[in-house]
Protein backbone atom coordinates (compact mmCIF):
# COMPACT_ATOMS: atom_id res chain seq x y z
CA MET A 1 104.55 57.49 -47.10
CA ALA A 2 102.74 55.89 -44.16
CA LYS A 3 100.01 53.41 -45.02
CA VAL A 4 96.49 54.77 -44.50
CA VAL A 5 94.71 52.62 -41.91
CA THR A 6 91.02 52.06 -42.62
CA PRO A 7 88.91 52.91 -39.55
CA GLN A 8 86.86 49.98 -38.26
CA ALA A 9 83.16 50.05 -37.35
CA VAL A 10 82.52 51.14 -33.78
CA ARG A 11 81.86 48.20 -31.44
CA GLY A 12 78.17 47.54 -31.01
CA THR A 13 77.15 49.07 -34.34
CA GLN A 14 76.16 47.25 -37.50
CA ASP A 15 76.24 47.59 -41.27
CA MET A 16 73.46 45.87 -43.20
CA LEU A 17 73.24 44.62 -46.77
CA GLY A 18 71.46 41.80 -48.55
CA GLU A 19 69.29 39.49 -46.43
CA GLU A 20 69.97 41.40 -43.20
CA ALA A 21 68.79 44.67 -44.76
CA LEU A 22 65.77 42.93 -46.32
CA ARG A 23 64.75 41.52 -42.93
CA PHE A 24 65.07 44.95 -41.31
CA ALA A 25 63.02 46.59 -44.08
CA ARG A 26 60.30 43.94 -43.86
CA VAL A 27 59.80 44.61 -40.13
CA VAL A 28 59.57 48.38 -40.70
CA GLU A 29 57.26 48.09 -43.72
CA THR A 30 54.90 45.75 -41.84
CA PHE A 31 54.85 48.12 -38.84
CA ASP A 32 54.04 51.10 -41.07
CA ARG A 33 51.21 49.21 -42.75
CA VAL A 34 49.64 47.92 -39.52
CA ARG A 35 49.92 51.23 -37.63
CA ARG A 36 47.88 52.89 -40.40
CA LEU A 37 45.13 50.30 -39.85
CA TYR A 38 44.91 51.51 -36.25
CA GLY A 39 44.98 55.22 -37.04
CA PHE A 40 48.46 55.92 -35.60
CA GLY A 41 50.14 58.90 -37.27
CA ARG A 42 53.87 59.09 -37.91
CA VAL A 43 55.89 61.27 -35.51
CA GLU A 44 59.55 62.31 -35.72
CA VAL A 45 61.61 63.49 -32.75
CA PRO A 46 65.33 64.39 -32.45
CA VAL A 47 68.02 61.76 -32.00
CA PHE A 48 69.45 63.85 -29.14
CA GLU A 49 67.75 65.79 -26.35
CA ALA A 50 68.74 67.78 -23.29
CA THR A 51 70.06 65.23 -20.80
CA ALA A 52 67.36 66.25 -18.30
CA VAL A 53 64.67 64.74 -20.58
CA PHE A 54 66.03 61.23 -19.99
CA ALA A 55 67.42 61.74 -16.48
CA ARG A 56 63.97 62.75 -15.23
CA SER A 57 61.99 60.24 -17.24
CA LEU A 58 64.23 57.22 -16.63
CA GLY A 59 65.26 58.11 -13.07
CA GLU A 60 68.74 59.16 -11.97
CA THR A 61 69.34 55.82 -10.20
CA THR A 62 68.56 53.49 -13.12
CA ASP A 63 71.36 51.66 -14.95
CA VAL A 64 70.40 53.39 -18.19
CA VAL A 65 71.04 56.85 -16.76
CA SER A 66 73.98 56.03 -14.52
CA LYS A 67 75.89 53.66 -16.84
CA GLU A 68 74.49 53.39 -20.35
CA MET A 69 73.62 56.82 -21.77
CA TYR A 70 75.73 58.51 -24.42
CA THR A 71 75.95 61.93 -22.80
CA PHE A 72 78.19 64.77 -23.98
CA GLU A 73 78.62 68.51 -23.61
CA ASP A 74 78.15 70.48 -26.81
CA ARG A 75 80.18 73.55 -27.79
CA GLY A 76 77.69 75.79 -26.01
CA GLY A 77 78.23 73.93 -22.74
CA ASP A 78 74.82 72.21 -22.74
CA SER A 79 74.56 68.59 -21.63
CA LEU A 80 73.00 66.52 -24.42
CA THR A 81 72.21 62.80 -24.64
CA LEU A 82 71.64 60.48 -27.60
CA ARG A 83 68.18 59.04 -27.06
CA PRO A 84 68.19 55.67 -25.25
CA GLU A 85 64.42 55.28 -25.82
CA PHE A 86 61.57 57.07 -27.62
CA THR A 87 58.90 57.78 -25.03
CA ALA A 88 60.60 60.61 -23.15
CA GLY A 89 61.38 62.57 -26.34
CA ILE A 90 57.81 62.16 -27.59
CA ALA A 91 56.48 63.31 -24.20
CA ARG A 92 58.80 66.34 -24.31
CA ALA A 93 57.60 67.16 -27.84
CA TYR A 94 53.97 66.81 -26.71
CA LEU A 95 54.57 69.47 -24.06
CA THR A 96 56.82 71.93 -25.90
CA ASN A 97 54.82 71.94 -29.16
CA GLY A 98 51.38 72.27 -27.61
CA TRP A 99 50.25 68.91 -28.98
CA GLN A 100 47.72 68.74 -26.11
CA GLN A 101 45.27 70.24 -28.62
CA HIS A 102 45.38 66.91 -30.51
CA ALA A 103 44.75 64.70 -27.46
CA PRO A 104 44.20 61.85 -27.40
CA LEU A 105 47.24 61.65 -29.66
CA LYS A 106 48.01 58.32 -31.35
CA VAL A 107 51.55 58.32 -32.75
CA ALA A 108 54.11 55.81 -33.97
CA THR A 109 57.73 55.99 -35.04
CA HIS A 110 60.85 53.92 -35.57
CA GLY A 111 64.57 54.62 -35.69
CA PRO A 112 67.94 54.32 -33.95
CA LEU A 113 68.51 54.44 -30.19
CA PHE A 114 71.78 54.40 -28.25
CA ARG A 115 72.91 52.63 -25.09
CA TYR A 116 76.44 51.84 -23.98
CA GLU A 117 75.99 48.23 -22.93
CA ARG A 118 77.70 44.93 -23.62
CA PRO A 119 76.78 43.90 -27.18
CA GLN A 120 75.08 40.49 -27.39
CA LYS A 121 72.84 38.51 -29.74
CA GLY A 122 70.21 40.88 -31.13
CA ARG A 123 71.40 43.79 -28.98
CA PHE A 124 73.68 46.64 -30.04
CA ARG A 125 74.93 50.00 -28.80
CA GLN A 126 73.16 51.62 -31.71
CA PHE A 127 69.97 49.62 -32.03
CA HIS A 128 66.57 50.25 -33.59
CA GLN A 129 63.04 50.16 -32.25
CA LEU A 130 59.45 50.44 -33.32
CA ASP A 131 57.40 52.63 -30.99
CA ALA A 132 53.67 53.33 -30.54
CA GLU A 133 52.11 55.71 -28.00
CA VAL A 134 48.66 57.00 -27.03
CA ILE A 135 48.98 60.27 -25.07
CA GLY A 136 46.08 61.93 -23.30
CA ALA A 137 43.82 58.87 -22.95
CA GLY A 138 43.15 57.51 -19.47
CA GLU A 139 40.64 54.92 -20.66
CA PRO A 140 41.53 51.21 -20.60
CA ALA A 141 40.36 51.06 -24.24
CA ALA A 142 43.68 52.71 -25.19
CA ASP A 143 45.61 49.91 -23.47
CA VAL A 144 43.50 47.32 -25.27
CA GLU A 145 43.99 48.98 -28.66
CA LEU A 146 47.77 49.08 -28.27
CA LEU A 147 47.90 45.44 -27.18
CA VAL A 148 45.74 44.29 -30.10
CA PHE A 149 47.91 46.42 -32.44
CA ALA A 150 51.03 44.69 -31.09
CA ASP A 151 49.44 41.25 -31.40
CA GLN A 152 48.43 41.90 -35.03
CA LEU A 153 51.91 43.20 -35.86
CA LEU A 154 53.52 40.01 -34.56
CA ARG A 155 50.98 37.87 -36.43
CA GLU A 156 51.55 39.70 -39.71
CA LEU A 157 55.31 39.33 -39.28
CA GLY A 158 54.72 35.59 -38.85
CA VAL A 159 56.43 35.46 -35.44
CA SER A 160 53.43 34.98 -33.12
CA ASP A 161 54.00 31.23 -32.68
CA GLY A 162 56.06 30.73 -29.55
CA VAL A 163 55.36 34.30 -28.38
CA THR A 164 53.36 34.78 -25.16
CA LEU A 165 51.77 38.01 -23.96
CA GLN A 166 52.56 38.42 -20.27
CA LEU A 167 50.27 40.89 -18.52
CA ASN A 168 50.18 42.55 -15.12
CA THR A 169 48.74 45.57 -13.34
CA LEU A 170 50.73 48.04 -11.26
CA GLY A 171 47.52 49.61 -9.95
CA ASP A 172 46.90 53.30 -9.40
CA ALA A 173 49.03 55.62 -7.25
CA ALA A 174 47.35 54.57 -3.99
CA THR A 175 47.68 50.87 -4.83
CA ARG A 176 51.31 51.20 -5.78
CA GLU A 177 52.18 53.13 -2.62
CA ALA A 178 50.54 50.56 -0.34
CA TRP A 179 52.11 47.63 -2.21
CA ARG A 180 55.54 49.27 -2.24
CA ALA A 181 55.41 49.78 1.54
CA ALA A 182 54.49 46.11 2.03
CA LEU A 183 57.32 45.01 -0.26
CA VAL A 184 59.88 47.14 1.57
CA LYS A 185 58.73 45.67 4.90
CA HIS A 186 58.99 42.13 3.50
CA PHE A 187 62.42 42.63 1.93
CA GLU A 188 63.80 44.41 5.01
CA ALA A 189 62.77 41.40 7.10
CA HIS A 190 64.80 39.15 4.77
CA ARG A 191 67.64 41.57 3.96
CA ASP A 192 70.33 39.02 4.91
CA ALA A 193 69.08 36.60 2.25
CA LEU A 194 69.20 39.13 -0.60
CA SER A 195 72.02 39.66 -3.11
CA GLU A 196 74.15 42.79 -2.82
CA GLU A 197 72.43 44.31 -5.87
CA SER A 198 68.98 43.76 -4.37
CA VAL A 199 70.02 45.26 -1.03
CA GLU A 200 71.07 48.35 -3.01
CA ARG A 201 67.76 48.32 -4.90
CA LEU A 202 65.84 48.10 -1.61
CA ALA A 203 66.61 51.76 -0.91
CA LYS A 204 66.19 53.04 -4.47
CA ASN A 205 63.89 50.78 -6.47
CA PRO A 206 62.43 47.89 -4.40
CA LEU A 207 59.97 46.72 -7.08
CA ARG A 208 62.89 45.64 -9.27
CA ILE A 209 63.83 42.96 -6.72
CA LEU A 210 60.73 41.06 -7.87
CA ASP A 211 62.23 40.38 -11.32
CA SER A 212 65.78 39.75 -10.10
CA LYS A 213 67.62 37.04 -12.03
CA ASP A 214 69.93 36.28 -9.07
CA LYS A 215 69.11 32.84 -7.65
CA ARG A 216 69.76 34.09 -4.10
CA ASP A 217 66.85 36.52 -4.43
CA ARG A 218 64.24 34.15 -5.84
CA PRO A 219 62.95 32.54 -2.58
CA VAL A 220 62.41 35.96 -0.96
CA ALA A 221 61.00 37.51 -4.15
CA ASP A 222 58.64 34.59 -4.79
CA ALA A 223 57.25 34.89 -1.24
CA ALA A 224 56.71 38.67 -1.50
CA PRO A 225 53.26 40.27 -1.10
CA VAL A 226 51.25 40.31 -4.35
CA ILE A 227 49.73 43.49 -5.75
CA ASP A 228 46.23 42.00 -5.92
CA ASP A 229 46.00 42.23 -2.12
CA TYR A 230 46.43 46.02 -2.37
CA LEU A 231 44.45 46.85 -5.53
CA SER A 232 41.94 49.64 -5.09
CA ALA A 233 38.46 49.03 -6.48
CA GLU A 234 39.15 51.49 -9.31
CA ALA A 235 42.45 49.84 -10.25
CA GLY A 236 40.86 46.39 -10.16
CA ALA A 237 38.03 47.53 -12.43
CA PHE A 238 40.54 49.10 -14.86
CA PHE A 239 42.50 45.82 -15.12
CA ASP A 240 39.29 43.79 -15.55
CA THR A 241 38.28 46.05 -18.45
CA VAL A 242 41.66 45.55 -20.13
CA ARG A 243 41.42 41.78 -19.78
CA ASN A 244 37.84 41.70 -21.02
CA GLY A 245 38.88 43.76 -24.05
CA LEU A 246 41.68 41.32 -24.88
CA ASP A 247 39.28 38.40 -24.55
CA ALA A 248 36.81 40.11 -26.90
CA ALA A 249 39.58 40.74 -29.46
CA GLY A 250 40.81 37.14 -29.24
CA VAL A 251 44.24 38.07 -27.85
CA ALA A 252 45.57 35.39 -25.50
CA TYR A 253 47.63 36.35 -22.45
CA VAL A 254 49.01 34.97 -19.19
CA ARG A 255 49.14 36.84 -15.91
CA ASN A 256 52.65 37.48 -14.61
CA GLY A 257 52.54 39.03 -11.15
CA ALA A 258 56.33 39.52 -11.18
CA LEU A 259 56.21 41.79 -14.24
CA VAL A 260 56.97 45.23 -12.83
CA ARG A 261 58.24 48.67 -13.78
CA GLY A 262 60.51 50.31 -11.23
CA LEU A 263 59.69 53.95 -11.85
CA ASP A 264 56.90 55.66 -9.96
CA TYR A 265 55.21 57.17 -13.01
CA TYR A 266 54.16 53.73 -14.30
CA ARG A 267 50.53 52.87 -13.54
CA HIS A 268 48.03 50.11 -14.26
CA THR A 269 48.86 47.95 -17.28
CA ALA A 270 52.34 46.48 -17.81
CA PHE A 271 53.02 43.91 -20.51
CA GLU A 272 55.66 42.03 -22.46
CA PHE A 273 55.48 39.75 -25.48
CA VAL A 274 58.06 37.08 -24.71
CA THR A 275 59.55 34.41 -26.99
CA ASP A 276 61.47 31.24 -26.20
CA ARG A 277 63.37 31.49 -29.49
CA LEU A 278 66.02 34.04 -28.45
CA GLY A 279 67.47 32.44 -25.33
CA ALA A 280 67.70 34.58 -22.19
CA GLN A 281 66.92 37.78 -24.08
CA GLY A 282 63.33 36.79 -24.71
CA THR A 283 61.29 40.01 -24.77
CA VAL A 284 60.44 41.14 -28.32
CA LEU A 285 57.93 43.87 -27.42
CA GLY A 286 57.07 45.54 -24.14
CA GLY A 287 55.31 48.51 -22.66
CA GLY A 288 52.65 49.80 -20.33
CA ARG A 289 50.81 52.78 -18.96
CA TYR A 290 52.89 55.75 -17.75
CA ASP A 291 50.34 58.21 -16.39
CA GLY A 292 52.92 60.14 -14.34
CA LEU A 293 55.67 60.72 -16.92
CA ILE A 294 54.51 64.02 -18.36
CA GLU A 295 54.18 65.43 -14.84
CA ALA A 296 57.79 64.34 -14.20
CA LEU A 297 58.74 66.51 -17.20
CA GLY A 298 56.93 69.54 -15.77
CA GLY A 299 53.60 69.15 -17.54
CA PRO A 300 50.05 68.68 -16.25
CA HIS A 301 48.69 65.26 -15.29
CA THR A 302 48.40 63.45 -18.64
CA PRO A 303 47.54 59.74 -18.88
CA ALA A 304 49.48 57.82 -21.54
CA VAL A 305 50.31 54.29 -22.62
CA GLY A 306 52.74 52.86 -25.15
CA TRP A 307 55.07 50.09 -26.26
CA ALA A 308 58.37 49.55 -28.05
CA ALA A 309 59.82 46.60 -29.93
CA GLY A 310 63.38 45.83 -31.05
CA ILE A 311 63.65 45.75 -34.83
CA GLU A 312 66.81 43.62 -34.77
CA ARG A 313 65.17 40.96 -32.62
CA LEU A 314 62.05 40.83 -34.75
CA ALA A 315 64.23 40.67 -37.88
CA MET A 316 65.97 37.59 -36.45
CA LEU A 317 62.61 35.85 -35.89
CA ILE A 318 60.86 36.41 -39.23
CA ASP A 319 61.12 34.01 -42.16
CA GLN A 320 63.74 34.84 -44.76
CA PRO A 321 62.22 37.49 -47.06
CA ALA A 322 62.16 36.93 -50.81
CA PRO A 323 65.13 38.62 -52.49
CA GLN A 324 64.55 41.90 -54.25
CA THR A 325 63.92 41.38 -57.97
CA VAL A 326 63.18 43.42 -61.08
CA ASP A 327 60.57 42.76 -63.74
CA VAL A 328 62.65 43.75 -66.75
CA ALA A 329 66.34 43.72 -67.69
CA ILE A 330 67.39 46.01 -70.56
CA VAL A 331 70.08 44.44 -72.77
CA PRO A 332 71.55 46.99 -75.26
CA LEU A 333 74.00 45.80 -77.92
CA GLY A 334 76.24 48.57 -79.25
CA GLU A 335 76.70 52.27 -78.63
CA ALA A 336 73.53 53.43 -80.37
CA ALA A 337 71.48 50.93 -78.37
CA GLU A 338 73.14 52.07 -75.12
CA ALA A 339 72.12 55.65 -75.87
CA ALA A 340 68.53 54.67 -76.73
CA ALA A 341 68.30 52.38 -73.70
CA ALA A 342 68.77 55.31 -71.30
CA GLY A 343 65.51 56.82 -72.52
CA ILE A 344 63.64 53.51 -72.67
CA ILE A 345 64.52 52.46 -69.11
CA ALA A 346 63.56 55.91 -67.78
CA ARG A 347 60.12 55.69 -69.46
CA LEU A 348 59.51 52.16 -68.17
CA ARG A 349 60.41 53.14 -64.61
CA ARG A 350 58.11 56.17 -64.81
CA ALA A 351 55.37 53.75 -65.86
CA GLY A 352 55.91 51.86 -62.59
CA ILE A 353 57.87 48.95 -64.05
CA ALA A 354 60.88 47.80 -62.02
CA CYS A 355 63.79 47.44 -64.39
CA ASP A 356 67.57 47.53 -64.43
CA MET A 357 70.45 47.57 -66.87
CA ALA A 358 74.05 46.51 -66.42
CA TYR A 359 76.61 49.28 -66.87
CA ARG A 360 78.86 47.13 -69.06
CA GLY A 361 79.33 43.69 -70.60
CA ASN A 362 78.59 41.67 -73.74
CA MET A 363 75.22 40.04 -74.38
CA LYS A 364 76.08 36.83 -72.51
CA LYS A 365 77.15 38.69 -69.37
CA ARG A 366 74.14 40.99 -69.49
CA MET A 367 71.78 38.03 -69.83
CA GLN A 368 73.48 36.40 -66.82
CA LYS A 369 72.80 39.61 -64.90
CA ALA A 370 69.14 39.47 -65.92
CA ASP A 371 68.88 35.94 -64.48
CA ALA A 372 70.66 37.01 -61.29
CA TRP A 373 68.20 39.89 -60.82
CA GLY A 374 65.25 37.49 -61.12
CA ALA A 375 63.89 39.40 -64.13
CA ARG A 376 60.81 38.08 -65.95
CA TYR A 377 61.72 39.71 -69.25
CA ALA A 378 64.82 40.80 -71.13
CA VAL A 379 64.36 43.72 -73.52
CA ILE A 380 67.07 43.27 -76.20
CA LEU A 381 68.09 46.27 -78.30
CA GLY A 382 70.46 46.05 -81.26
CA ASP A 383 71.05 48.15 -84.37
CA ASP A 384 68.52 46.10 -86.38
CA GLU A 385 65.81 46.54 -83.72
CA LEU A 386 66.48 50.27 -83.50
CA ALA A 387 66.17 50.63 -87.27
CA ARG A 388 62.68 49.10 -87.03
CA CYS A 389 61.83 51.12 -83.84
CA GLU A 390 61.35 47.79 -82.09
CA ALA A 391 62.84 45.80 -79.22
CA ALA A 392 63.03 42.02 -78.86
CA VAL A 393 61.21 41.02 -75.63
CA LYS A 394 62.41 37.67 -74.30
CA THR A 395 60.39 35.82 -71.65
CA LEU A 396 63.14 34.33 -69.49
CA ALA A 397 61.04 31.52 -67.98
CA ASP A 398 60.49 29.76 -71.33
CA GLY A 399 62.93 31.47 -73.70
CA THR A 400 60.26 32.70 -76.13
CA GLN A 401 60.94 36.00 -77.88
CA ARG A 402 58.71 38.49 -79.70
CA PRO A 403 59.18 41.91 -81.34
CA VAL A 404 57.44 44.87 -79.62
CA PRO A 405 57.36 48.48 -80.87
CA ILE A 406 59.48 50.65 -78.53
CA ASP A 407 56.56 53.02 -77.91
CA ALA A 408 54.40 50.05 -76.81
CA LEU A 409 56.92 48.48 -74.41
CA ALA A 410 55.35 49.86 -71.21
CA GLY A 411 51.94 48.42 -72.08
CA ALA A 412 53.38 45.07 -73.17
CA LEU A 413 55.49 44.65 -70.02
CA ALA A 414 53.00 45.93 -67.47
CA GLY A 415 51.01 42.68 -67.31
């Protein structure tokens, strides 16, 4: 008979246990706690959508759409795509479910996303993000709230040291159009000095040349026209209000004029929280205002702003979480004690006491398990204790032991 070959994990995916899983859980738990402080409700959207949702929102010419999406045809012949990001699916849900009635809508979520790219440190083909969005609010106060939310999240995770908030404005539609025309003129005049990739971007997505990593592009990109020269009065006032709000909230930032978003539906605020602790892949949280996205999906003009953060990257940055422990270990000795212990441990857990019991082993091995679990107490049950309707409660820190009536265990161990 042929040997059964165990399938391996798919490249770019991950299995988590122990410290890795604890780190991941700590990031998610902190996010859930902080988003409640800011009044962001939980939202759930499908892991897959019609391909058009992402093709329209991300742009047919972007690398994500042309090279990285997991797209497949289902049995009904429809083209579906595993979500590469959250925003487009949330925007689609906002339109198709009539969530306009709740605007401005403040929502947050987290979960897996999928992109077929080269796996590297902190980046996977199935990866996980936190996401927060405000849909239906055109006021700069929404941008400020999201940025302060992000700043508090990073502080409460203990990763704010070495993280810098980089901030820019992309202006309104008129600003962006005028600036884009000036950029195209500038880059066309220096076409011969640009890399092949940037020459290609010149026709499709000229703003992306500004953040090119190719050394050949930097002299031309660094000498390009700056958006401030084209800002309308309204766009300038919007950006001033955002900056004043950050100052009032005590959130430090630096201006980065090269921070851009290539797609036309992005407006006004763009931002990234960047760390120097992850090498070249330094962005831990990023976002901005996308006032034109819902129109791109066939809806009415709807201002919106949001951000996303990689859970894996944040998990790498946080301090090692304390291991999971239990308060009480149940140590039954003999068959009668085993049977009684099943009821005792159930009652203790229902009383909110974290406890565990080994499935097998003599007293020595069970006490070793109790130490390994980090238990504060061992509840020892033998035939003699059962006859007296008692249990021996041992405090593991100092070895002291006292008898406690079984019916009074929950009260005695709750302190």
